[in-house]
Amino acid sequence: MPTFQELGYKDVEMYIWAGLFAQSSLPAPIVTRLREAMAQVMTSPDVLKAFATSGSLVAYQDAPAFAQFIAADSARLIAALQKIGKLE
């Protein structure tokens, strides 16, 4: 099956990403511990190997950078949906 780029759509990008989210009311020490644990997991050689074996890239971002990524990705997707008339 051809990719969008192979079909002539040169500016099409789609990212599959995952993140860890928690309630804003979660106590700060627990949030800190979760952030530390995720940072440790996402730099583990075993985890990196598992991602590489599956052909997935690892681009771990801690909360501030991830929040910026989500905002930018959301804005990009909203603009695309508005352009095709699926969102007002």
PDB file of N, CA and C in Angstrom:
ATOM      1  N   MET A   1       0.845  -1.158   0.000  1.00  0.00           N
ATOM      2  CA  MET A   1       0.000   0.000   0.000  1.00  0.00           C
ATOM      3  C   MET A   1       0.902   1.235   0.000  1.00  0.00           C
ATOM      4  N   PRO A   2       0.658   2.179  -0.876  1.00  0.00           N
ATOM      5  CA  PRO A   2       1.504   3.375  -0.927  1.00  0.00           C
ATOM      6  C   PRO A   2       1.250   4.304   0.256  1.00  0.00           C
ATOM      7  N   THR A   3       2.282   5.025   0.616  1.00  0.00           N
ATOM      8  CA  THR A   3       2.154   6.015   1.684  1.00  0.00           C
ATOM      9  C   THR A   3       1.511   7.276   1.118  1.00  0.00           C
ATOM     10  N   PHE A   4       1.086   8.176   2.005  1.00  0.00           N
ATOM     11  CA  PHE A   4       0.542   9.452   1.545  1.00  0.00           C
ATOM     12  C   PHE A   4       1.571  10.194   0.705  1.00  0.00           C
ATOM     13  N   GLN A   5       2.812  10.185   1.132  1.00  0.00           N
ATOM     14  CA  GLN A   5       3.857  10.885   0.381  1.00  0.00           C
ATOM     15  C   GLN A   5       4.046  10.277  -0.998  1.00  0.00           C
ATOM     16  N   GLU A   6       3.974   8.958  -1.083  1.00  0.00           N
ATOM     17  CA  GLU A   6       4.094   8.295  -2.387  1.00  0.00           C
ATOM     18  C   GLU A   6       2.919   8.638  -3.297  1.00  0.00           C
ATOM     19  N   LEU A   7       1.782   8.980  -2.710  1.00  0.00           N
ATOM     20  CA  LEU A   7       0.602   9.380  -3.480  1.00  0.00           C
ATOM     21  C   LEU A   7       0.614  10.865  -3.849  1.00  0.00           C
ATOM     22  N   GLY A   8       1.655  11.573  -3.409  1.00  0.00           N
ATOM     23  CA  GLY A   8       1.785  12.977  -3.772  1.00  0.00           C
ATOM     24  C   GLY A   8       1.415  13.967  -2.691  1.00  0.00           C
ATOM     25  N   TYR A   9       1.033  13.500  -1.519  1.00  0.00           N
ATOM     26  CA  TYR A   9       0.712  14.391  -0.411  1.00  0.00           C
ATOM     27  C   TYR A   9       1.979  14.592   0.418  1.00  0.00           C
ATOM     28  N   LYS A  10       2.758  15.596   0.042  1.00  0.00           N
ATOM     29  CA  LYS A  10       4.084  15.773   0.635  1.00  0.00           C
ATOM     30  C   LYS A  10       4.070  16.327   2.053  1.00  0.00           C
ATOM     31  N   ASP A  11       2.990  16.982   2.463  1.00  0.00           N
ATOM     32  CA  ASP A  11       2.991  17.616   3.773  1.00  0.00           C
ATOM     33  C   ASP A  11       2.150  16.864   4.807  1.00  0.00           C
ATOM     34  N   VAL A  12       1.877  15.596   4.570  1.00  0.00           N
ATOM     35  CA  VAL A  12       1.081  14.809   5.506  1.00  0.00           C
ATOM     36  C   VAL A  12       2.006  14.144   6.526  1.00  0.00           C
ATOM     37  N   GLU A  13       1.673  14.358   7.789  1.00  0.00           N
ATOM     38  CA  GLU A  13       2.399  13.712   8.876  1.00  0.00           C
ATOM     39  C   GLU A  13       1.388  13.228   9.900  1.00  0.00           C
ATOM     40  N   MET A  14       1.635  12.072  10.456  1.00  0.00           N
ATOM     41  CA  MET A  14       0.789  11.562  11.529  1.00  0.00           C
ATOM     42  C   MET A  14       1.687  10.856  12.518  1.00  0.00           C
ATOM     43  N   TYR A  15       1.531  11.232  13.771  1.00  0.00           N
ATOM     44  CA  TYR A  15       2.338  10.649  14.822  1.00  0.00           C
ATOM     45  C   TYR A  15       1.472   9.759  15.696  1.00  0.00           C
ATOM     46  N   ILE A  16       1.989   8.640  16.061  1.00  0.00           N
ATOM     47  CA  ILE A  16       1.351   7.796  17.061  1.00  0.00           C
ATOM     48  C   ILE A  16       2.186   7.956  18.315  1.00  0.00           C
ATOM     49  N   TRP A  17       1.546   8.449  19.350  1.00  0.00           N
ATOM     50  CA  TRP A  17       2.286   8.675  20.578  1.00  0.00           C
ATOM     51  C   TRP A  17       1.459   8.222  21.769  1.00  0.00           C
ATOM     52  N   ALA A  18       2.140   8.038  22.847  1.00  0.00           N
ATOM     53  CA  ALA A  18       1.484   7.641  24.092  1.00  0.00           C
ATOM     54  C   ALA A  18       2.068   8.473  25.215  1.00  0.00           C
ATOM     55  N   GLY A  19       1.281   8.661  26.241  1.00  0.00           N
ATOM     56  CA  GLY A  19       1.754   9.431  27.377  1.00  0.00           C
ATOM     57  C   GLY A  19       1.082   8.961  28.653  1.00  0.00           C
ATOM     58  N   LEU A  20       1.673   9.346  29.734  1.00  0.00           N
ATOM     59  CA  LEU A  20       1.119   9.035  31.053  1.00  0.00           C
ATOM     60  C   LEU A  20       0.451  10.298  31.573  1.00  0.00           C
ATOM     61  N   PHE A  21      -0.828  10.180  31.892  1.00  0.00           N
ATOM     62  CA  PHE A  21      -1.602  11.320  32.381  1.00  0.00           C
ATOM     63  C   PHE A  21      -2.122  10.995  33.781  1.00  0.00           C
ATOM     64  N   ALA A  22      -2.309  12.039  34.581  1.00  0.00           N
ATOM     65  CA  ALA A  22      -2.828  11.861  35.940  1.00  0.00           C
ATOM     66  C   ALA A  22      -3.741  13.037  36.266  1.00  0.00           C
ATOM     67  N   GLN A  23      -4.580  12.843  37.259  1.00  0.00           N
ATOM     68  CA  GLN A  23      -5.462  13.906  37.727  1.00  0.00           C
ATOM     69  C   GLN A  23      -4.641  15.084  38.229  1.00  0.00           C
ATOM     70  N   SER A  24      -5.134  16.284  38.004  1.00  0.00           N
ATOM     71  CA  SER A  24      -4.418  17.473  38.487  1.00  0.00           C
ATOM     72  C   SER A  24      -4.389  17.529  40.015  1.00  0.00           C
ATOM     73  N   SER A  25      -5.286  16.813  40.665  1.00  0.00           N
ATOM     74  CA  SER A  25      -5.334  16.815  42.134  1.00  0.00           C
ATOM     75  C   SER A  25      -4.374  15.800  42.770  1.00  0.00           C
ATOM     76  N   LEU A  26      -3.638  15.060  41.948  1.00  0.00           N
ATOM     77  CA  LEU A  26      -2.702  14.077  42.490  1.00  0.00           C
ATOM     78  C   LEU A  26      -1.628  14.801  43.304  1.00  0.00           C
ATOM     79  N   PRO A  27      -1.303  14.326  44.491  1.00  0.00           N
ATOM     80  CA  PRO A  27      -0.288  14.996  45.322  1.00  0.00           C
ATOM     81  C   PRO A  27       1.067  15.088  44.602  1.00  0.00           C
ATOM     82  N   ALA A  28       1.719  16.220  44.787  1.00  0.00           N
ATOM     83  CA  ALA A  28       2.999  16.492  44.123  1.00  0.00           C
ATOM     84  C   ALA A  28       4.037  15.392  44.320  1.00  0.00           C
ATOM     85  N   PRO A  29       4.202  14.818  45.517  1.00  0.00           N
ATOM     86  CA  PRO A  29       5.205  13.757  45.671  1.00  0.00           C
ATOM     87  C   PRO A  29       4.920  12.536  44.780  1.00  0.00           C
ATOM     88  N   ILE A  30       3.662  12.234  44.581  1.00  0.00           N
ATOM     89  CA  ILE A  30       3.313  11.094  43.719  1.00  0.00           C
ATOM     90  C   ILE A  30       3.602  11.438  42.260  1.00  0.00           C
ATOM     91  N   VAL A  31       3.273  12.659  41.859  1.00  0.00           N
ATOM     92  CA  VAL A  31       3.572  13.103  40.496  1.00  0.00           C
ATOM     93  C   VAL A  31       5.080  13.038  40.247  1.00  0.00           C
ATOM     94  N   THR A  32       5.837  13.523  41.203  1.00  0.00           N
ATOM     95  CA  THR A  32       7.309  13.489  41.071  1.00  0.00           C
ATOM     96  C   THR A  32       7.802  12.059  40.933  1.00  0.00           C
ATOM     97  N   ARG A  33       7.290  11.173  41.745  1.00  0.00           N
ATOM     98  CA  ARG A  33       7.717   9.768  41.684  1.00  0.00           C
ATOM     99  C   ARG A  33       7.354   9.137  40.348  1.00  0.00           C
ATOM    100  N   LEU A  34       6.162   9.429  39.843  1.00  0.00           N
ATOM    101  CA  LEU A  34       5.756   8.902  38.534  1.00  0.00           C
ATOM    102  C   LEU A  34       6.660   9.431  37.425  1.00  0.00           C
ATOM    103  N   ARG A  35       6.981  10.716  37.477  1.00  0.00           N
ATOM    104  CA  ARG A  35       7.867  11.303  36.463  1.00  0.00           C
ATOM    105  C   ARG A  35       9.251  10.658  36.510  1.00  0.00           C
ATOM    106  N   GLU A  36       9.774  10.461  37.712  1.00  0.00           N
ATOM    107  CA  GLU A  36      11.085   9.825  37.860  1.00  0.00           C
ATOM    108  C   GLU A  36      11.055   8.384  37.352  1.00  0.00           C
ATOM    109  N   ALA A  37       9.992   7.670  37.667  1.00  0.00           N
ATOM    110  CA  ALA A  37       9.879   6.272  37.229  1.00  0.00           C
ATOM    111  C   ALA A  37       9.791   6.185  35.709  1.00  0.00           C
ATOM    112  N   MET A  38       9.006   7.059  35.097  1.00  0.00           N
ATOM    113  CA  MET A  38       8.884   7.028  33.632  1.00  0.00           C
ATOM    114  C   MET A  38      10.210   7.372  32.960  1.00  0.00           C
ATOM    115  N   ALA A  39      10.911   8.347  33.504  1.00  0.00           N
ATOM    116  CA  ALA A  39      12.221   8.704  32.945  1.00  0.00           C
ATOM    117  C   ALA A  39      13.168   7.520  33.015  1.00  0.00           C
ATOM    118  N   GLN A  40      13.131   6.804  34.132  1.00  0.00           N
ATOM    119  CA  GLN A  40      13.993   5.635  34.294  1.00  0.00           C
ATOM    120  C   GLN A  40      13.603   4.526  33.321  1.00  0.00           C
ATOM    121  N   VAL A  41      12.314   4.257  33.227  1.00  0.00           N
ATOM    122  CA  VAL A  41      11.830   3.200  32.328  1.00  0.00           C
ATOM    123  C   VAL A  41      12.193   3.517  30.883  1.00  0.00           C
ATOM    124  N   MET A  42      11.977   4.763  30.467  1.00  0.00           N
ATOM    125  CA  MET A  42      12.162   5.116  29.059  1.00  0.00           C
ATOM    126  C   MET A  42      13.622   5.266  28.655  1.00  0.00           C
ATOM    127  N   THR A  43      14.544   5.098  29.595  1.00  0.00           N
ATOM    128  CA  THR A  43      15.965   5.063  29.259  1.00  0.00           C
ATOM    129  C   THR A  43      16.559   3.678  29.524  1.00  0.00           C
ATOM    130  N   SER A  44      15.717   2.738  29.924  1.00  0.00           N
ATOM    131  CA  SER A  44      16.173   1.384  30.201  1.00  0.00           C
ATOM    132  C   SER A  44      16.610   0.692  28.904  1.00  0.00           C
ATOM    133  N   PRO A  45      17.769   0.054  28.894  1.00  0.00           N
ATOM    134  CA  PRO A  45      18.210  -0.650  27.696  1.00  0.00           C
ATOM    135  C   PRO A  45      17.197  -1.686  27.199  1.00  0.00           C
ATOM    136  N   ASP A  46      16.531  -2.381  28.112  1.00  0.00           N
ATOM    137  CA  ASP A  46      15.539  -3.384  27.701  1.00  0.00           C
ATOM    138  C   ASP A  46      14.351  -2.738  27.000  1.00  0.00           C
ATOM    139  N   VAL A  47      13.899  -1.619  27.529  1.00  0.00           N
ATOM    140  CA  VAL A  47      12.756  -0.919  26.916  1.00  0.00           C
ATOM    141  C   VAL A  47      13.173  -0.346  25.568  1.00  0.00           C
ATOM    142  N   LEU A  48      14.333   0.268  25.514  1.00  0.00           N
ATOM    143  CA  LEU A  48      14.808   0.821  24.244  1.00  0.00           C
ATOM    144  C   LEU A  48      14.959  -0.269  23.194  1.00  0.00           C
ATOM    145  N   LYS A  49      15.443  -1.436  23.609  1.00  0.00           N
ATOM    146  CA  LYS A  49      15.582  -2.561  22.684  1.00  0.00           C
ATOM    147  C   LYS A  49      14.207  -3.027  22.190  1.00  0.00           C
ATOM    148  N   ALA A  50      13.237  -3.094  23.086  1.00  0.00           N
ATOM    149  CA  ALA A  50      11.880  -3.520  22.706  1.00  0.00           C
ATOM    150  C   ALA A  50      11.279  -2.550  21.695  1.00  0.00           C
ATOM    151  N   PHE A  51      11.461  -1.264  21.910  1.00  0.00           N
ATOM    152  CA  PHE A  51      10.960  -0.277  20.950  1.00  0.00           C
ATOM    153  C   PHE A  51      11.674  -0.422  19.611  1.00  0.00           C
ATOM    154  N   ALA A  52      12.978  -0.562  19.644  1.00  0.00           N
ATOM    155  CA  ALA A  52      13.742  -0.693  18.406  1.00  0.00           C
ATOM    156  C   ALA A  52      13.332  -1.943  17.636  1.00  0.00           C
ATOM    157  N   THR A  53      13.126  -3.043  18.346  1.00  0.00           N
ATOM    158  CA  THR A  53      12.722  -4.299  17.711  1.00  0.00           C
ATOM    159  C   THR A  53      11.375  -4.147  17.008  1.00  0.00           C
ATOM    160  N   SER A  54      10.497  -3.337  17.597  1.00  0.00           N
ATOM    161  CA  SER A  54       9.168  -3.148  17.000  1.00  0.00           C
ATOM    162  C   SER A  54       9.170  -2.083  15.909  1.00  0.00           C
ATOM    163  N   GLY A  55      10.309  -1.428  15.709  1.00  0.00           N
ATOM    164  CA  GLY A  55      10.402  -0.388  14.689  1.00  0.00           C
ATOM    165  C   GLY A  55       9.884   0.965  15.151  1.00  0.00           C
ATOM    166  N   SER A  56       9.689   1.111  16.444  1.00  0.00           N
ATOM    167  CA  SER A  56       9.193   2.368  16.995  1.00  0.00           C
ATOM    168  C   SER A  56      10.338   3.206  17.545  1.00  0.00           C
ATOM    169  N   LEU A  57      10.215   4.502  17.342  1.00  0.00           N
ATOM    170  CA  LEU A  57      11.209   5.414  17.892  1.00  0.00           C
ATOM    171  C   LEU A  57      10.801   5.824  19.299  1.00  0.00           C
ATOM    172  N   VAL A  58      11.794   6.084  20.134  1.00  0.00           N
ATOM    173  CA  VAL A  58      11.537   6.577  21.491  1.00  0.00           C
ATOM    174  C   VAL A  58      11.908   8.052  21.511  1.00  0.00           C
ATOM    175  N   ALA A  59      10.960   8.868  21.907  1.00  0.00           N
ATOM    176  CA  ALA A  59      11.208  10.302  22.040  1.00  0.00           C
ATOM    177  C   ALA A  59      10.623  10.738  23.376  1.00  0.00           C
ATOM    178  N   TYR A  60      11.219  10.251  24.456  1.00  0.00           N
ATOM    179  CA  TYR A  60      10.699  10.560  25.790  1.00  0.00           C
ATOM    180  C   TYR A  60      10.775  12.057  26.050  1.00  0.00           C
ATOM    181  N   GLN A  61       9.678  12.585  26.561  1.00  0.00           N
ATOM    182  CA  GLN A  61       9.629  13.988  26.966  1.00  0.00           C
ATOM    183  C   GLN A  61       9.030  14.058  28.361  1.00  0.00           C
ATOM    184  N   ASP A  62       9.667  14.820  29.239  1.00  0.00           N
ATOM    185  CA  ASP A  62       9.113  15.019  30.576  1.00  0.00           C
ATOM    186  C   ASP A  62       7.944  16.001  30.467  1.00  0.00           C
ATOM    187  N   ALA A  63       7.231  16.196  31.539  1.00  0.00           N
ATOM    188  CA  ALA A  63       5.966  16.935  31.542  1.00  0.00           C
ATOM    189  C   ALA A  63       5.988  18.271  30.793  1.00  0.00           C
ATOM    190  N   PRO A  64       6.926  19.184  31.047  1.00  0.00           N
ATOM    191  CA  PRO A  64       6.861  20.473  30.345  1.00  0.00           C
ATOM    192  C   PRO A  64       6.981  20.340  28.821  1.00  0.00           C
ATOM    193  N   ALA A  65       7.931  19.563  28.355  1.00  0.00           N
ATOM    194  CA  ALA A  65       8.111  19.379  26.912  1.00  0.00           C
ATOM    195  C   ALA A  65       6.939  18.604  26.311  1.00  0.00           C
ATOM    196  N   PHE A  66       6.428  17.621  27.031  1.00  0.00           N
ATOM    197  CA  PHE A  66       5.297  16.836  26.544  1.00  0.00           C
ATOM    198  C   PHE A  66       4.050  17.707  26.440  1.00  0.00           C
ATOM    199  N   ALA A  67       3.841  18.594  27.394  1.00  0.00           N
ATOM    200  CA  ALA A  67       2.695  19.512  27.334  1.00  0.00           C
ATOM    201  C   ALA A  67       2.783  20.403  26.103  1.00  0.00           C
ATOM    202  N   GLN A  68       3.974  20.886  25.781  1.00  0.00           N
ATOM    203  CA  GLN A  68       4.161  21.704  24.582  1.00  0.00           C
ATOM    204  C   GLN A  68       3.892  20.879  23.323  1.00  0.00           C
ATOM    205  N   PHE A  69       4.357  19.639  23.310  1.00  0.00           N
ATOM    206  CA  PHE A  69       4.130  18.761  22.166  1.00  0.00           C
ATOM    207  C   PHE A  69       2.632  18.529  21.954  1.00  0.00           C
ATOM    208  N   ILE A  70       1.918  18.234  23.042  1.00  0.00           N
ATOM    209  CA  ILE A  70       0.478  17.975  22.946  1.00  0.00           C
ATOM    210  C   ILE A  70      -0.242  19.214  22.409  1.00  0.00           C
ATOM    211  N   ALA A  71       0.115  20.381  22.907  1.00  0.00           N
ATOM    212  CA  ALA A  71      -0.523  21.613  22.444  1.00  0.00           C
ATOM    213  C   ALA A  71      -0.280  21.829  20.956  1.00  0.00           C
ATOM    214  N   ALA A  72       0.947  21.635  20.500  1.00  0.00           N
ATOM    215  CA  ALA A  72       1.268  21.823  19.085  1.00  0.00           C
ATOM    216  C   ALA A  72       0.587  20.770  18.215  1.00  0.00           C
ATOM    217  N   ASP A  73       0.595  19.523  18.657  1.00  0.00           N
ATOM    218  CA  ASP A  73      -0.025  18.450  17.881  1.00  0.00           C
ATOM    219  C   ASP A  73      -1.540  18.649  17.810  1.00  0.00           C
ATOM    220  N   SER A  74      -2.139  19.059  18.913  1.00  0.00           N
ATOM    221  CA  SER A  74      -3.580  19.317  18.935  1.00  0.00           C
ATOM    222  C   SER A  74      -3.940  20.448  17.979  1.00  0.00           C
ATOM    223  N   ALA A  75      -3.166  21.520  17.995  1.00  0.00           N
ATOM    224  CA  ALA A  75      -3.420  22.653  17.096  1.00  0.00           C
ATOM    225  C   ALA A  75      -3.318  22.221  15.637  1.00  0.00           C
ATOM    226  N   ARG A  76      -2.334  21.391  15.330  1.00  0.00           N
ATOM    227  CA  ARG A  76      -2.143  20.900  13.958  1.00  0.00           C
ATOM    228  C   ARG A  76      -3.332  20.045  13.527  1.00  0.00           C
ATOM    229  N   LEU A  77      -3.797  19.164  14.409  1.00  0.00           N
ATOM    230  CA  LEU A  77      -4.919  18.294  14.070  1.00  0.00           C
ATOM    231  C   LEU A  77      -6.230  19.071  13.976  1.00  0.00           C
ATOM    232  N   ILE A  78      -6.421  20.054  14.848  1.00  0.00           N
ATOM    233  CA  ILE A  78      -7.613  20.895  14.777  1.00  0.00           C
ATOM    234  C   ILE A  78      -7.652  21.638  13.444  1.00  0.00           C
ATOM    235  N   ALA A  79      -6.525  22.198  13.041  1.00  0.00           N
ATOM    236  CA  ALA A  79      -6.459  22.914  11.760  1.00  0.00           C
ATOM    237  C   ALA A  79      -6.790  21.982  10.596  1.00  0.00           C
ATOM    238  N   ALA A  80      -6.286  20.758  10.639  1.00  0.00           N
ATOM    239  CA  ALA A  80      -6.568  19.790   9.568  1.00  0.00           C
ATOM    240  C   ALA A  80      -8.051  19.448   9.524  1.00  0.00           C
ATOM    241  N   LEU A  81      -8.655  19.224  10.675  1.00  0.00           N
ATOM    242  CA  LEU A  81     -10.081  18.892  10.733  1.00  0.00           C
ATOM    243  C   LEU A  81     -10.940  20.064  10.276  1.00  0.00           C
ATOM    244  N   GLN A  82     -10.539  21.286  10.614  1.00  0.00           N
ATOM    245  CA  GLN A  82     -11.282  22.455  10.151  1.00  0.00           C
ATOM    246  C   GLN A  82     -11.168  22.593   8.634  1.00  0.00           C
ATOM    247  N   LYS A  83     -10.006  22.310   8.110  1.00  0.00           N
ATOM    248  CA  LYS A  83      -9.772  22.453   6.671  1.00  0.00           C
ATOM    249  C   LYS A  83     -10.626  21.488   5.858  1.00  0.00           C
ATOM    250  N   ILE A  84     -10.854  20.300   6.392  1.00  0.00           N
ATOM    251  CA  ILE A  84     -11.656  19.335   5.651  1.00  0.00           C
ATOM    252  C   ILE A  84     -13.133  19.400   6.047  1.00  0.00           C
ATOM    253  N   GLY A  85     -13.492  20.370   6.892  1.00  0.00           N
ATOM    254  CA  GLY A  85     -14.879  20.588   7.243  1.00  0.00           C
ATOM    255  C   GLY A  85     -15.455  19.656   8.277  1.00  0.00           C
ATOM    256  N   LYS A  86     -14.629  19.014   9.053  1.00  0.00           N
ATOM    257  CA  LYS A  86     -15.112  18.090  10.079  1.00  0.00           C
ATOM    258  C   LYS A  86     -15.135  18.706  11.470  1.00  0.00           C
ATOM    259  N   LEU A  87     -14.758  19.980  11.558  1.00  0.00           N
ATOM    260  CA  LEU A  87     -14.733  20.676  12.835  1.00  0.00           C
ATOM    261  C   LEU A  87     -14.944  22.152  12.568  1.00  0.00           C
ATOM    262  N   GLU A  88     -15.828  22.763  13.326  1.00  0.00           N
ATOM    263  CA  GLU A  88     -16.080  24.200  13.136  1.00  0.00           C
ATOM    264  C   GLU A  88     -15.262  25.014  14.112  1.00  0.00           C
TER     265      GLU A  88
END
